[in-house]
Amino acid sequence: MSRPNWLGRLFGRTDPLEITTDPGFTPPEPVVLEAAGNTDVGKARERNEDAFLCDAAAGLFLVCDGMGGHAAGDRASGLAVEELAAHLSADRLDATSPADLAGLLAEALQRANDAILALAAADRALWGTGSTAVIAVFDGVRLHLSNIGDSRGYLIRGGRTRVQTRDHSVAAGLVEAGQLKPEALRDHPMRNQLTAALGTEGRVNPAYTSLALLPGDRIVLCSDGLWDMVEDADIVALVAAHDDPAAAVAALIEAANAAGGTDNITAVVLAARRAEDMGNCELPIAHAQLPIETDTEDTDPGLMLTAPQSPLKERLERVGAR
């Protein structure tokens, strides 16, 4: 990913937080989420500057893609995950009504933005560091999505997919302005030139949407290292071919690497299940591996989160480190 080119703002929109919600639709039956996430350095990069969190017990899922070069991008994305997780604690999410979640997510992104700016201000070597972010919060009925940058959230339903997030890039701005056909975005040279990201301006203007989840729905959160390498139709096919979210994540990362793996690759897959299909499991299940810096190389990418929400430090330890 390239750091934001502010000339690109001429082609993009800079309006305030947009709230796009479908009508007050109540699903015919409740769903629970099974989720998995993983990250890979890819074939071309020396460091992994992506980070993610997959906490189904809290209904919180994050993907962040750092930028800023050696020893900077990974610090920015890791810091973004920590700040977002701290602000979006289980207690705070439980105490927030669905109608107020858009504002809470915006506050969390602003907090992460401020933390990255402070990090860079304290060390000139880190000037220019930043991160994308895509957040998904499940309130038991609806999934709330907010993002800044070009990390995406896909809905897969009935064998079809639609990007539910909004790319903040020069090429995406051209599409919104009617100056570029949507199908031409994938091959446009400015598709990864960001017009907004965490840590690049004082205020953030994230996109937001929410949708009611139905049994059988799949959600894919990912960095551009996945969607830039794997066509949308292939993302649908790979997820459809693997009912287990962990297997779907592995297949997506394998496909991105097979296509060249030119960037770090991160994917989180959420599967909406009928509650009755989850047996006696009282809490949603997540298989997660959090890529935060650690002194040990021993990790447990298959750790299952089935306990009630714990403080941030324990949460990060429980999902593992890489």
C-alpha atoms as a PDB file:
ATOM      1  CA  MET A   1       0.000   0.000   0.000  1.00  0.00           C
ATOM      2  CA  SER A   2       1.205   3.515  -0.750  1.00  0.00           C
ATOM      3  CA  ARG A   3       0.948   6.307   1.795  1.00  0.00           C
ATOM      4  CA  PRO A   4      -1.766   8.868   1.060  1.00  0.00           C
ATOM      5  CA  ASN A   5      -1.211  11.326  -1.763  1.00  0.00           C
ATOM      6  CA  TRP A   6      -3.276  14.329  -0.706  1.00  0.00           C
ATOM      7  CA  LEU A   7      -3.684  15.413  -4.334  1.00  0.00           C
ATOM      8  CA  GLY A   8      -5.855  12.356  -4.476  1.00  0.00           C
ATOM      9  CA  ARG A   9      -8.412  14.158  -2.341  1.00  0.00           C
ATOM     10  CA  LEU A  10      -9.370  16.093  -5.467  1.00  0.00           C
ATOM     11  CA  PHE A  11     -10.775  12.860  -6.813  1.00  0.00           C
ATOM     12  CA  GLY A  12     -12.308  11.490  -3.610  1.00  0.00           C
ATOM     13  CA  ARG A  13     -15.038  12.528  -1.231  1.00  0.00           C
ATOM     14  CA  THR A  14     -14.218  13.993   2.135  1.00  0.00           C
ATOM     15  CA  ASP A  15     -17.734  14.250   3.551  1.00  0.00           C
ATOM     16  CA  PRO A  16     -18.297  13.427   7.240  1.00  0.00           C
ATOM     17  CA  LEU A  17     -19.120  10.013   8.598  1.00  0.00           C
ATOM     18  CA  GLU A  18     -21.691   8.457   6.309  1.00  0.00           C
ATOM     19  CA  ILE A  19     -24.351   6.238   7.852  1.00  0.00           C
ATOM     20  CA  THR A  20     -25.906   3.759   5.464  1.00  0.00           C
ATOM     21  CA  THR A  21     -28.349   1.301   6.993  1.00  0.00           C
ATOM     22  CA  ASP A  22     -30.815  -1.013   5.345  1.00  0.00           C
ATOM     23  CA  PRO A  23     -34.477  -0.792   6.502  1.00  0.00           C
ATOM     24  CA  GLY A  24     -35.384  -2.075   9.946  1.00  0.00           C
ATOM     25  CA  PHE A  25     -35.321  -5.688   8.843  1.00  0.00           C
ATOM     26  CA  THR A  26     -35.605  -8.385  11.488  1.00  0.00           C
ATOM     27  CA  PRO A  27     -34.095 -11.737  10.463  1.00  0.00           C
ATOM     28  CA  PRO A  28     -36.477 -14.705  10.587  1.00  0.00           C
ATOM     29  CA  GLU A  29     -34.181 -16.445  13.065  1.00  0.00           C
ATOM     30  CA  PRO A  30     -31.196 -15.451  15.224  1.00  0.00           C
ATOM     31  CA  VAL A  31     -27.661 -16.302  14.186  1.00  0.00           C
ATOM     32  CA  VAL A  32     -24.376 -16.805  15.985  1.00  0.00           C
ATOM     33  CA  LEU A  33     -20.960 -16.275  14.466  1.00  0.00           C
ATOM     34  CA  GLU A  34     -18.117 -18.672  13.918  1.00  0.00           C
ATOM     35  CA  ALA A  35     -14.981 -16.826  12.906  1.00  0.00           C
ATOM     36  CA  ALA A  36     -11.352 -17.352  11.976  1.00  0.00           C
ATOM     37  CA  GLY A  37      -8.492 -15.099  10.981  1.00  0.00           C
ATOM     38  CA  ASN A  38      -4.876 -15.315   9.930  1.00  0.00           C
ATOM     39  CA  THR A  39      -2.144 -13.279   8.296  1.00  0.00           C
ATOM     40  CA  ASP A  40       0.819 -14.048   6.039  1.00  0.00           C
ATOM     41  CA  VAL A  41       3.853 -12.025   5.025  1.00  0.00           C
ATOM     42  CA  GLY A  42       3.344 -12.921   1.349  1.00  0.00           C
ATOM     43  CA  LYS A  43       6.014 -13.606  -1.260  1.00  0.00           C
ATOM     44  CA  ALA A  44       7.632 -10.195  -1.697  1.00  0.00           C
ATOM     45  CA  ARG A  45       7.801  -8.415   1.677  1.00  0.00           C
ATOM     46  CA  GLU A  46      10.366  -8.916   4.443  1.00  0.00           C
ATOM     47  CA  ARG A  47       8.023  -7.860   7.247  1.00  0.00           C
ATOM     48  CA  ASN A  48       4.365  -8.330   7.928  1.00  0.00           C
ATOM     49  CA  GLU A  49       2.779  -4.922   8.485  1.00  0.00           C
ATOM     50  CA  ASP A  50      -0.776  -6.266   8.816  1.00  0.00           C
ATOM     51  CA  ALA A  51      -2.528  -6.873  12.139  1.00  0.00           C
ATOM     52  CA  PHE A  52      -5.919  -8.224  13.101  1.00  0.00           C
ATOM     53  CA  LEU A  53      -8.153  -9.198  15.982  1.00  0.00           C
ATOM     54  CA  CYS A  54     -10.796 -11.909  15.909  1.00  0.00           C
ATOM     55  CA  ASP A  55     -12.815 -11.875  19.145  1.00  0.00           C
ATOM     56  CA  ALA A  56     -16.155 -13.560  18.605  1.00  0.00           C
ATOM     57  CA  ALA A  57     -16.914 -13.580  22.335  1.00  0.00           C
ATOM     58  CA  ALA A  58     -17.082  -9.783  22.194  1.00  0.00           C
ATOM     59  CA  GLY A  59     -18.422  -9.658  18.633  1.00  0.00           C
ATOM     60  CA  LEU A  60     -15.394  -7.607  17.550  1.00  0.00           C
ATOM     61  CA  PHE A  61     -13.284  -8.168  14.428  1.00  0.00           C
ATOM     62  CA  LEU A  62     -10.482  -5.956  13.070  1.00  0.00           C
ATOM     63  CA  VAL A  63      -8.067  -5.853  10.148  1.00  0.00           C
ATOM     64  CA  CYS A  64      -5.398  -3.146   9.924  1.00  0.00           C
ATOM     65  CA  ASP A  65      -2.767  -2.715   7.212  1.00  0.00           C
ATOM     66  CA  GLY A  66       0.205  -0.593   8.215  1.00  0.00           C
ATOM     67  CA  MET A  67       2.377   1.599   6.057  1.00  0.00           C
ATOM     68  CA  GLY A  68       5.509   3.593   6.628  1.00  0.00           C
ATOM     69  CA  GLY A  69       8.397   1.339   5.764  1.00  0.00           C
ATOM     70  CA  HIS A  70      10.802  -0.713   7.851  1.00  0.00           C
ATOM     71  CA  ALA A  71       9.837  -1.030  11.529  1.00  0.00           C
ATOM     72  CA  ALA A  72       7.032   1.516  11.145  1.00  0.00           C
ATOM     73  CA  GLY A  73       4.056  -0.018   9.366  1.00  0.00           C
ATOM     74  CA  ASP A  74       3.822  -2.978  11.699  1.00  0.00           C
ATOM     75  CA  ARG A  75       3.998  -0.669  14.725  1.00  0.00           C
ATOM     76  CA  ALA A  76       1.193   1.479  13.315  1.00  0.00           C
ATOM     77  CA  SER A  77      -1.126  -1.436  12.552  1.00  0.00           C
ATOM     78  CA  GLY A  78      -0.387  -3.120  15.885  1.00  0.00           C
ATOM     79  CA  LEU A  79      -1.040   0.125  17.737  1.00  0.00           C
ATOM     80  CA  ALA A  80      -4.272   0.610  15.794  1.00  0.00           C
ATOM     81  CA  VAL A  81      -5.507  -2.843  16.811  1.00  0.00           C
ATOM     82  CA  GLU A  82      -4.615  -2.221  20.466  1.00  0.00           C
ATOM     83  CA  GLU A  83      -6.328   1.182  20.577  1.00  0.00           C
ATOM     84  CA  LEU A  84      -9.433  -0.013  18.749  1.00  0.00           C
ATOM     85  CA  ALA A  85      -9.768  -3.081  20.977  1.00  0.00           C
ATOM     86  CA  ALA A  86      -9.309  -0.975  24.112  1.00  0.00           C
ATOM     87  CA  HIS A  87     -11.987   1.517  23.105  1.00  0.00           C
ATOM     88  CA  LEU A  88     -14.368  -1.146  21.851  1.00  0.00           C
ATOM     89  CA  SER A  89     -14.304  -3.182  25.034  1.00  0.00           C
ATOM     90  CA  ALA A  90     -17.007  -5.741  25.653  1.00  0.00           C
ATOM     91  CA  ASP A  91     -18.489  -3.646  28.449  1.00  0.00           C
ATOM     92  CA  ARG A  92     -18.637  -0.540  26.263  1.00  0.00           C
ATOM     93  CA  LEU A  93     -20.146  -2.458  23.353  1.00  0.00           C
ATOM     94  CA  ASP A  94     -22.755  -4.004  25.636  1.00  0.00           C
ATOM     95  CA  ALA A  95     -23.665  -0.577  27.004  1.00  0.00           C
ATOM     96  CA  THR A  96     -24.026   1.016  23.558  1.00  0.00           C
ATOM     97  CA  SER A  97     -27.327   0.847  21.712  1.00  0.00           C
ATOM     98  CA  PRO A  98     -27.192  -0.261  18.055  1.00  0.00           C
ATOM     99  CA  ALA A  99     -28.272   3.245  17.027  1.00  0.00           C
ATOM    100  CA  ASP A 100     -25.181   4.696  18.705  1.00  0.00           C
ATOM    101  CA  LEU A 101     -22.624   2.211  17.382  1.00  0.00           C
ATOM    102  CA  ALA A 102     -21.722   4.342  14.348  1.00  0.00           C
ATOM    103  CA  GLY A 103     -20.560   7.097  16.658  1.00  0.00           C
ATOM    104  CA  LEU A 104     -18.698   4.684  18.918  1.00  0.00           C
ATOM    105  CA  LEU A 105     -16.798   3.198  15.977  1.00  0.00           C
ATOM    106  CA  ALA A 106     -15.901   6.680  14.756  1.00  0.00           C
ATOM    107  CA  GLU A 107     -14.609   7.543  18.242  1.00  0.00           C
ATOM    108  CA  ALA A 108     -12.495   4.391  18.287  1.00  0.00           C
ATOM    109  CA  LEU A 109     -10.964   5.186  14.910  1.00  0.00           C
ATOM    110  CA  GLN A 110     -10.234   8.751  16.006  1.00  0.00           C
ATOM    111  CA  ARG A 111      -8.512   7.416  19.126  1.00  0.00           C
ATOM    112  CA  ALA A 112      -6.367   5.081  17.027  1.00  0.00           C
ATOM    113  CA  ASN A 113      -5.585   7.940  14.655  1.00  0.00           C
ATOM    114  CA  ASP A 114      -4.449  10.159  17.520  1.00  0.00           C
ATOM    115  CA  ALA A 115      -2.259   7.390  18.957  1.00  0.00           C
ATOM    116  CA  ILE A 116      -0.460   6.856  15.636  1.00  0.00           C
ATOM    117  CA  LEU A 117       0.074  10.592  15.228  1.00  0.00           C
ATOM    118  CA  ALA A 118       1.554  10.720  18.732  1.00  0.00           C
ATOM    119  CA  LEU A 119       3.821   7.768  17.936  1.00  0.00           C
ATOM    120  CA  ALA A 120       5.205   9.539  14.882  1.00  0.00           C
ATOM    121  CA  ALA A 121       5.565  12.853  16.707  1.00  0.00           C
ATOM    122  CA  ALA A 122       7.729  11.176  19.348  1.00  0.00           C
ATOM    123  CA  ASP A 123      10.126   9.667  16.811  1.00  0.00           C
ATOM    124  CA  ARG A 124      11.006  11.427  13.564  1.00  0.00           C
ATOM    125  CA  ALA A 125      12.044   8.101  12.079  1.00  0.00           C
ATOM    126  CA  LEU A 126       8.378   7.107  12.203  1.00  0.00           C
ATOM    127  CA  TRP A 127       7.084  10.166  10.354  1.00  0.00           C
ATOM    128  CA  GLY A 128       4.647   9.141   7.640  1.00  0.00           C
ATOM    129  CA  THR A 129       3.574   5.929   9.333  1.00  0.00           C
ATOM    130  CA  GLY A 130      -0.105   5.063   9.207  1.00  0.00           C
ATOM    131  CA  SER A 131      -2.609   2.270   8.879  1.00  0.00           C
ATOM    132  CA  THR A 132      -5.871   1.329   7.259  1.00  0.00           C
ATOM    133  CA  ALA A 133      -8.595  -0.167   9.417  1.00  0.00           C
ATOM    134  CA  VAL A 134     -11.792  -2.109   8.921  1.00  0.00           C
ATOM    135  CA  ILE A 135     -13.959  -2.863  11.960  1.00  0.00           C
ATOM    136  CA  ALA A 136     -16.865  -5.274  12.252  1.00  0.00           C
ATOM    137  CA  VAL A 137     -19.039  -5.376  15.375  1.00  0.00           C
ATOM    138  CA  PHE A 138     -21.873  -7.893  15.744  1.00  0.00           C
ATOM    139  CA  ASP A 139     -24.669  -6.864  18.108  1.00  0.00           C
ATOM    140  CA  GLY A 140     -26.513 -10.184  17.952  1.00  0.00           C
ATOM    141  CA  VAL A 141     -28.675  -9.194  14.977  1.00  0.00           C
ATOM    142  CA  ARG A 142     -26.808  -6.693  12.839  1.00  0.00           C
ATOM    143  CA  LEU A 143     -23.209  -6.412  11.747  1.00  0.00           C
ATOM    144  CA  HIS A 144     -21.810  -2.874  11.961  1.00  0.00           C
ATOM    145  CA  LEU A 145     -18.914  -2.079   9.622  1.00  0.00           C
ATOM    146  CA  SER A 146     -16.676   0.974   9.594  1.00  0.00           C
ATOM    147  CA  ASN A 147     -13.458   1.541   7.675  1.00  0.00           C
ATOM    148  CA  ILE A 148     -10.801   3.967   6.592  1.00  0.00           C
ATOM    149  CA  GLY A 149      -8.309   3.205   3.838  1.00  0.00           C
ATOM    150  CA  ASP A 150      -8.629   0.249   1.494  1.00  0.00           C
ATOM    151  CA  SER A 151      -9.020  -2.739   3.808  1.00  0.00           C
ATOM    152  CA  ARG A 152     -12.367  -4.224   2.876  1.00  0.00           C
ATOM    153  CA  GLY A 153     -15.424  -5.991   4.206  1.00  0.00           C
ATOM    154  CA  TYR A 154     -17.320  -8.310   1.842  1.00  0.00           C
ATOM    155  CA  LEU A 155     -20.786  -9.807   2.303  1.00  0.00           C
ATOM    156  CA  ILE A 156     -21.259 -13.172   0.591  1.00  0.00           C
ATOM    157  CA  ARG A 157     -24.889 -14.233   0.346  1.00  0.00           C
ATOM    158  CA  GLY A 158     -26.493 -16.746  -1.985  1.00  0.00           C
ATOM    159  CA  GLY A 159     -23.327 -17.234  -4.012  1.00  0.00           C
ATOM    160  CA  ARG A 160     -22.936 -13.514  -4.708  1.00  0.00           C
ATOM    161  CA  THR A 161     -20.791 -10.871  -3.061  1.00  0.00           C
ATOM    162  CA  ARG A 162     -20.819  -7.170  -2.511  1.00  0.00           C
ATOM    163  CA  VAL A 163     -18.182  -4.947  -0.943  1.00  0.00           C
ATOM    164  CA  GLN A 164     -19.819  -3.366   2.090  1.00  0.00           C
ATOM    165  CA  THR A 165     -16.982  -0.967   2.873  1.00  0.00           C
ATOM    166  CA  ARG A 166     -15.662   1.999   0.939  1.00  0.00           C
ATOM    167  CA  ASP A 167     -12.157   2.215  -0.503  1.00  0.00           C
ATOM    168  CA  HIS A 168     -10.462   5.520   0.272  1.00  0.00           C
ATOM    169  CA  SER A 169      -8.169   5.587  -2.743  1.00  0.00           C
ATOM    170  CA  VAL A 170      -7.606   7.748  -5.800  1.00  0.00           C
ATOM    171  CA  ALA A 171      -8.992   5.082  -8.131  1.00  0.00           C
ATOM    172  CA  ALA A 172     -12.096   4.528  -5.984  1.00  0.00           C
ATOM    173  CA  GLY A 173     -12.664   8.283  -5.977  1.00  0.00           C
ATOM    174  CA  LEU A 174     -12.568   8.256  -9.763  1.00  0.00           C
ATOM    175  CA  VAL A 175     -15.199   5.509  -9.773  1.00  0.00           C
ATOM    176  CA  GLU A 176     -17.417   7.522  -7.409  1.00  0.00           C
ATOM    177  CA  ALA A 177     -17.007  10.590  -9.634  1.00  0.00           C
ATOM    178  CA  GLY A 178     -18.067   8.602 -12.702  1.00  0.00           C
ATOM    179  CA  GLN A 179     -14.644   9.003 -14.310  1.00  0.00           C
ATOM    180  CA  LEU A 180     -13.686   5.324 -14.114  1.00  0.00           C
ATOM    181  CA  LYS A 181     -15.735   2.192 -14.657  1.00  0.00           C
ATOM    182  CA  PRO A 182     -15.948  -0.010 -11.543  1.00  0.00           C
ATOM    183  CA  GLU A 183     -14.553  -2.994 -13.403  1.00  0.00           C
ATOM    184  CA  ALA A 184     -11.454  -0.972 -14.307  1.00  0.00           C
ATOM    185  CA  LEU A 185     -10.535  -0.225 -10.692  1.00  0.00           C
ATOM    186  CA  ARG A 186      -8.618  -3.488 -10.169  1.00  0.00           C
ATOM    187  CA  ASP A 187      -6.087  -2.644 -12.883  1.00  0.00           C
ATOM    188  CA  HIS A 188      -5.826   1.102 -12.254  1.00  0.00           C
ATOM    189  CA  PRO A 189      -2.317   2.227 -11.226  1.00  0.00           C
ATOM    190  CA  MET A 190      -3.771   4.401  -8.441  1.00  0.00           C
ATOM    191  CA  ARG A 191      -5.953   1.696  -6.881  1.00  0.00           C
ATOM    192  CA  ASN A 192      -3.663   1.485  -3.828  1.00  0.00           C
ATOM    193  CA  GLN A 193      -2.902   5.211  -3.577  1.00  0.00           C
ATOM    194  CA  LEU A 194      -4.793   6.126  -0.432  1.00  0.00           C
ATOM    195  CA  THR A 195      -6.691   9.334   0.146  1.00  0.00           C
ATOM    196  CA  ALA A 196      -7.361   8.594   3.830  1.00  0.00           C
ATOM    197  CA  ALA A 197      -5.790   6.453   6.534  1.00  0.00           C
ATOM    198  CA  LEU A 198      -5.161   6.456  10.266  1.00  0.00           C
ATOM    199  CA  GLY A 199      -2.243   8.650  11.312  1.00  0.00           C
ATOM    200  CA  THR A 200      -2.182  10.955   8.296  1.00  0.00           C
ATOM    201  CA  GLU A 201      -4.505  13.812   9.321  1.00  0.00           C
ATOM    202  CA  GLY A 202      -5.882  15.255  12.523  1.00  0.00           C
ATOM    203  CA  ARG A 203      -9.462  14.132  11.941  1.00  0.00           C
ATOM    204  CA  VAL A 204     -10.785  10.957  10.375  1.00  0.00           C
ATOM    205  CA  ASN A 205     -13.952  10.565   8.302  1.00  0.00           C
ATOM    206  CA  PRO A 206     -14.643   6.844   8.218  1.00  0.00           C
ATOM    207  CA  ALA A 207     -17.323   5.116   6.201  1.00  0.00           C
ATOM    208  CA  TYR A 208     -20.044   3.169   8.018  1.00  0.00           C
ATOM    209  CA  THR A 209     -22.789   0.722   7.193  1.00  0.00           C
ATOM    210  CA  SER A 210     -24.772  -1.984   8.958  1.00  0.00           C
ATOM    211  CA  LEU A 211     -26.689  -5.039   7.803  1.00  0.00           C
ATOM    212  CA  ALA A 212     -28.806  -7.774   9.339  1.00  0.00           C
ATOM    213  CA  LEU A 213     -27.112 -11.157   9.071  1.00  0.00           C
ATOM    214  CA  LEU A 214     -28.967 -14.216   7.804  1.00  0.00           C
ATOM    215  CA  PRO A 215     -28.080 -17.870   8.337  1.00  0.00           C
ATOM    216  CA  GLY A 216     -25.566 -18.856   5.684  1.00  0.00           C
ATOM    217  CA  ASP A 217     -24.083 -15.377   5.274  1.00  0.00           C
ATOM    218  CA  ARG A 218     -20.314 -15.061   5.146  1.00  0.00           C
ATOM    219  CA  ILE A 219     -18.324 -11.924   5.841  1.00  0.00           C
ATOM    220  CA  VAL A 220     -14.724 -11.505   4.683  1.00  0.00           C
ATOM    221  CA  LEU A 221     -12.562  -8.763   6.168  1.00  0.00           C
ATOM    222  CA  CYS A 222      -9.226  -8.392   4.432  1.00  0.00           C
ATOM    223  CA  SER A 223      -6.252  -6.223   3.592  1.00  0.00           C
ATOM    224  CA  ASP A 224      -5.531  -5.244   0.001  1.00  0.00           C
ATOM    225  CA  GLY A 225      -2.966  -8.022  -0.131  1.00  0.00           C
ATOM    226  CA  LEU A 226      -5.917 -10.367  -0.604  1.00  0.00           C
ATOM    227  CA  TRP A 227      -8.369  -8.490  -2.817  1.00  0.00           C
ATOM    228  CA  ASP A 228      -5.591  -7.109  -5.032  1.00  0.00           C
ATOM    229  CA  MET A 229      -4.471 -10.658  -5.807  1.00  0.00           C
ATOM    230  CA  VAL A 230      -7.740 -12.617  -5.818  1.00  0.00           C
ATOM    231  CA  GLU A 231     -10.761 -11.696  -7.939  1.00  0.00           C
ATOM    232  CA  ASP A 232     -14.050 -11.178  -6.120  1.00  0.00           C
ATOM    233  CA  ALA A 233     -15.601 -14.171  -7.873  1.00  0.00           C
ATOM    234  CA  ASP A 234     -12.728 -16.361  -6.674  1.00  0.00           C
ATOM    235  CA  ILE A 235     -13.136 -15.082  -3.106  1.00  0.00           C
ATOM    236  CA  VAL A 236     -16.771 -16.201  -3.264  1.00  0.00           C
ATOM    237  CA  ALA A 237     -15.834 -19.602  -4.700  1.00  0.00           C
ATOM    238  CA  LEU A 238     -13.131 -20.264  -2.137  1.00  0.00           C
ATOM    239  CA  VAL A 239     -15.319 -19.306   0.820  1.00  0.00           C
ATOM    240  CA  ALA A 240     -18.213 -21.367  -0.558  1.00  0.00           C
ATOM    241  CA  ALA A 241     -15.933 -24.376  -0.923  1.00  0.00           C
ATOM    242  CA  HIS A 242     -14.912 -24.317   2.751  1.00  0.00           C
ATOM    243  CA  ASP A 243     -17.652 -24.351   5.360  1.00  0.00           C
ATOM    244  CA  ASP A 244     -15.083 -24.048   8.153  1.00  0.00           C
ATOM    245  CA  PRO A 245     -13.963 -20.399   8.424  1.00  0.00           C
ATOM    246  CA  ALA A 246     -10.401 -21.427   9.323  1.00  0.00           C
ATOM    247  CA  ALA A 247     -10.169 -23.533   6.160  1.00  0.00           C
ATOM    248  CA  ALA A 248     -11.614 -20.666   4.117  1.00  0.00           C
ATOM    249  CA  VAL A 249      -9.009 -18.262   5.510  1.00  0.00           C
ATOM    250  CA  ALA A 250      -6.209 -20.693   4.659  1.00  0.00           C
ATOM    251  CA  ALA A 251      -7.537 -21.121   1.119  1.00  0.00           C
ATOM    252  CA  LEU A 252      -7.794 -17.366   0.577  1.00  0.00           C
ATOM    253  CA  ILE A 253      -4.232 -16.745   1.738  1.00  0.00           C
ATOM    254  CA  GLU A 254      -2.950 -19.641  -0.364  1.00  0.00           C
ATOM    255  CA  ALA A 255      -4.703 -18.217  -3.424  1.00  0.00           C
ATOM    256  CA  ALA A 256      -3.225 -14.750  -2.878  1.00  0.00           C
ATOM    257  CA  ASN A 257       0.256 -16.217  -2.600  1.00  0.00           C
ATOM    258  CA  ALA A 258      -0.289 -18.363  -5.684  1.00  0.00           C
ATOM    259  CA  ALA A 259      -1.227 -15.205  -7.600  1.00  0.00           C
ATOM    260  CA  GLY A 260       2.044 -13.537  -6.645  1.00  0.00           C
ATOM    261  CA  GLY A 261       1.735 -12.579  -2.980  1.00  0.00           C
ATOM    262  CA  THR A 262       3.082  -9.096  -3.665  1.00  0.00           C
ATOM    263  CA  ASP A 263       1.902  -7.733  -0.303  1.00  0.00           C
ATOM    264  CA  ASN A 264       1.108  -8.961   3.194  1.00  0.00           C
ATOM    265  CA  ILE A 265      -2.137 -10.923   3.245  1.00  0.00           C
ATOM    266  CA  THR A 266      -4.710 -10.908   6.041  1.00  0.00           C
ATOM    267  CA  ALA A 267      -8.200 -12.383   6.066  1.00  0.00           C
ATOM    268  CA  VAL A 268     -10.912 -12.823   8.681  1.00  0.00           C
ATOM    269  CA  VAL A 269     -13.932 -14.935   7.742  1.00  0.00           C
ATOM    270  CA  LEU A 270     -17.199 -14.814   9.689  1.00  0.00           C
ATOM    271  CA  ALA A 271     -19.828 -17.509   9.215  1.00  0.00           C
ATOM    272  CA  ALA A 272     -23.402 -16.785  10.333  1.00  0.00           C
ATOM    273  CA  ARG A 273     -24.878 -20.009  11.720  1.00  0.00           C
ATOM    274  CA  ARG A 274     -28.282 -20.927  13.020  1.00  0.00           C
ATOM    275  CA  ALA A 275     -28.059 -21.072  16.782  1.00  0.00           C
ATOM    276  CA  GLU A 276     -29.414 -24.624  16.757  1.00  0.00           C
ATOM    277  CA  ASP A 277     -26.577 -25.712  14.445  1.00  0.00           C
ATOM    278  CA  MET A 278     -23.965 -24.690  17.034  1.00  0.00           C
ATOM    279  CA  GLY A 279     -25.031 -27.421  19.453  1.00  0.00           C
ATOM    280  CA  ASN A 280     -24.374 -26.671  23.107  1.00  0.00           C
ATOM    281  CA  CYS A 281     -21.832 -23.925  22.458  1.00  0.00           C
ATOM    282  CA  GLU A 282     -23.006 -20.909  24.448  1.00  0.00           C
ATOM    283  CA  LEU A 283     -20.603 -18.454  22.826  1.00  0.00           C
ATOM    284  CA  PRO A 284     -19.494 -17.868  19.265  1.00  0.00           C
ATOM    285  CA  ILE A 285     -16.162 -19.459  18.381  1.00  0.00           C
ATOM    286  CA  ALA A 286     -13.113 -17.735  16.969  1.00  0.00           C
ATOM    287  CA  HIS A 287      -9.850 -19.210  15.793  1.00  0.00           C
ATOM    288  CA  ALA A 288      -7.433 -16.318  15.852  1.00  0.00           C
ATOM    289  CA  GLN A 289      -3.806 -15.325  15.681  1.00  0.00           C
ATOM    290  CA  LEU A 290      -2.938 -11.739  16.539  1.00  0.00           C
ATOM    291  CA  PRO A 291       0.251 -10.510  14.833  1.00  0.00           C
ATOM    292  CA  ILE A 292       1.694  -8.335  17.573  1.00  0.00           C
ATOM    293  CA  GLU A 293       5.406  -8.116  18.255  1.00  0.00           C
ATOM    294  CA  THR A 294       6.713 -10.678  20.726  1.00  0.00           C
ATOM    295  CA  ASP A 295      10.008 -12.135  21.889  1.00  0.00           C
ATOM    296  CA  THR A 296       8.890 -15.703  21.435  1.00  0.00           C
ATOM    297  CA  GLU A 297       8.204 -17.479  18.177  1.00  0.00           C
ATOM    298  CA  ASP A 298       5.838 -20.039  19.678  1.00  0.00           C
ATOM    299  CA  THR A 299       2.264 -19.305  18.617  1.00  0.00           C
ATOM    300  CA  ASP A 300      -1.057 -21.038  18.718  1.00  0.00           C
ATOM    301  CA  PRO A 301      -3.003 -20.054  15.583  1.00  0.00           C
ATOM    302  CA  GLY A 302      -5.872 -22.341  16.483  1.00  0.00           C
ATOM    303  CA  LEU A 303      -6.683 -20.988  19.924  1.00  0.00           C
ATOM    304  CA  MET A 304     -10.429 -20.950  20.525  1.00  0.00           C
ATOM    305  CA  LEU A 305     -12.070 -18.054  22.319  1.00  0.00           C
ATOM    306  CA  THR A 306     -14.975 -19.387  24.335  1.00  0.00           C
ATOM    307  CA  ALA A 307     -14.624 -17.543  27.635  1.00  0.00           C
ATOM    308  CA  PRO A 308     -16.319 -14.276  28.614  1.00  0.00           C
ATOM    309  CA  GLN A 309     -14.599 -11.052  27.667  1.00  0.00           C
ATOM    310  CA  SER A 310     -11.377 -10.292  29.547  1.00  0.00           C
ATOM    311  CA  PRO A 311      -9.288  -7.126  29.905  1.00  0.00           C
ATOM    312  CA  LEU A 312      -7.337  -6.016  26.846  1.00  0.00           C
ATOM    313  CA  LYS A 313      -3.990  -7.508  27.838  1.00  0.00           C
ATOM    314  CA  GLU A 314      -5.567 -10.884  28.520  1.00  0.00           C
ATOM    315  CA  ARG A 315      -7.518 -10.663  25.271  1.00  0.00           C
ATOM    316  CA  LEU A 316      -4.356 -10.108  23.273  1.00  0.00           C
ATOM    317  CA  GLU A 317      -2.566 -12.921  25.068  1.00  0.00           C
ATOM    318  CA  ARG A 318      -5.456 -15.322  24.618  1.00  0.00           C
ATOM    319  CA  VAL A 319      -5.622 -14.937  20.846  1.00  0.00           C
ATOM    320  CA  GLY A 320      -1.878 -15.519  20.553  1.00  0.00           C
ATOM    321  CA  ALA A 321       0.952 -13.499  19.085  1.00  0.00           C
ATOM    322  CA  ARG A 322       3.034 -13.546  15.976  1.00  0.00           C
END
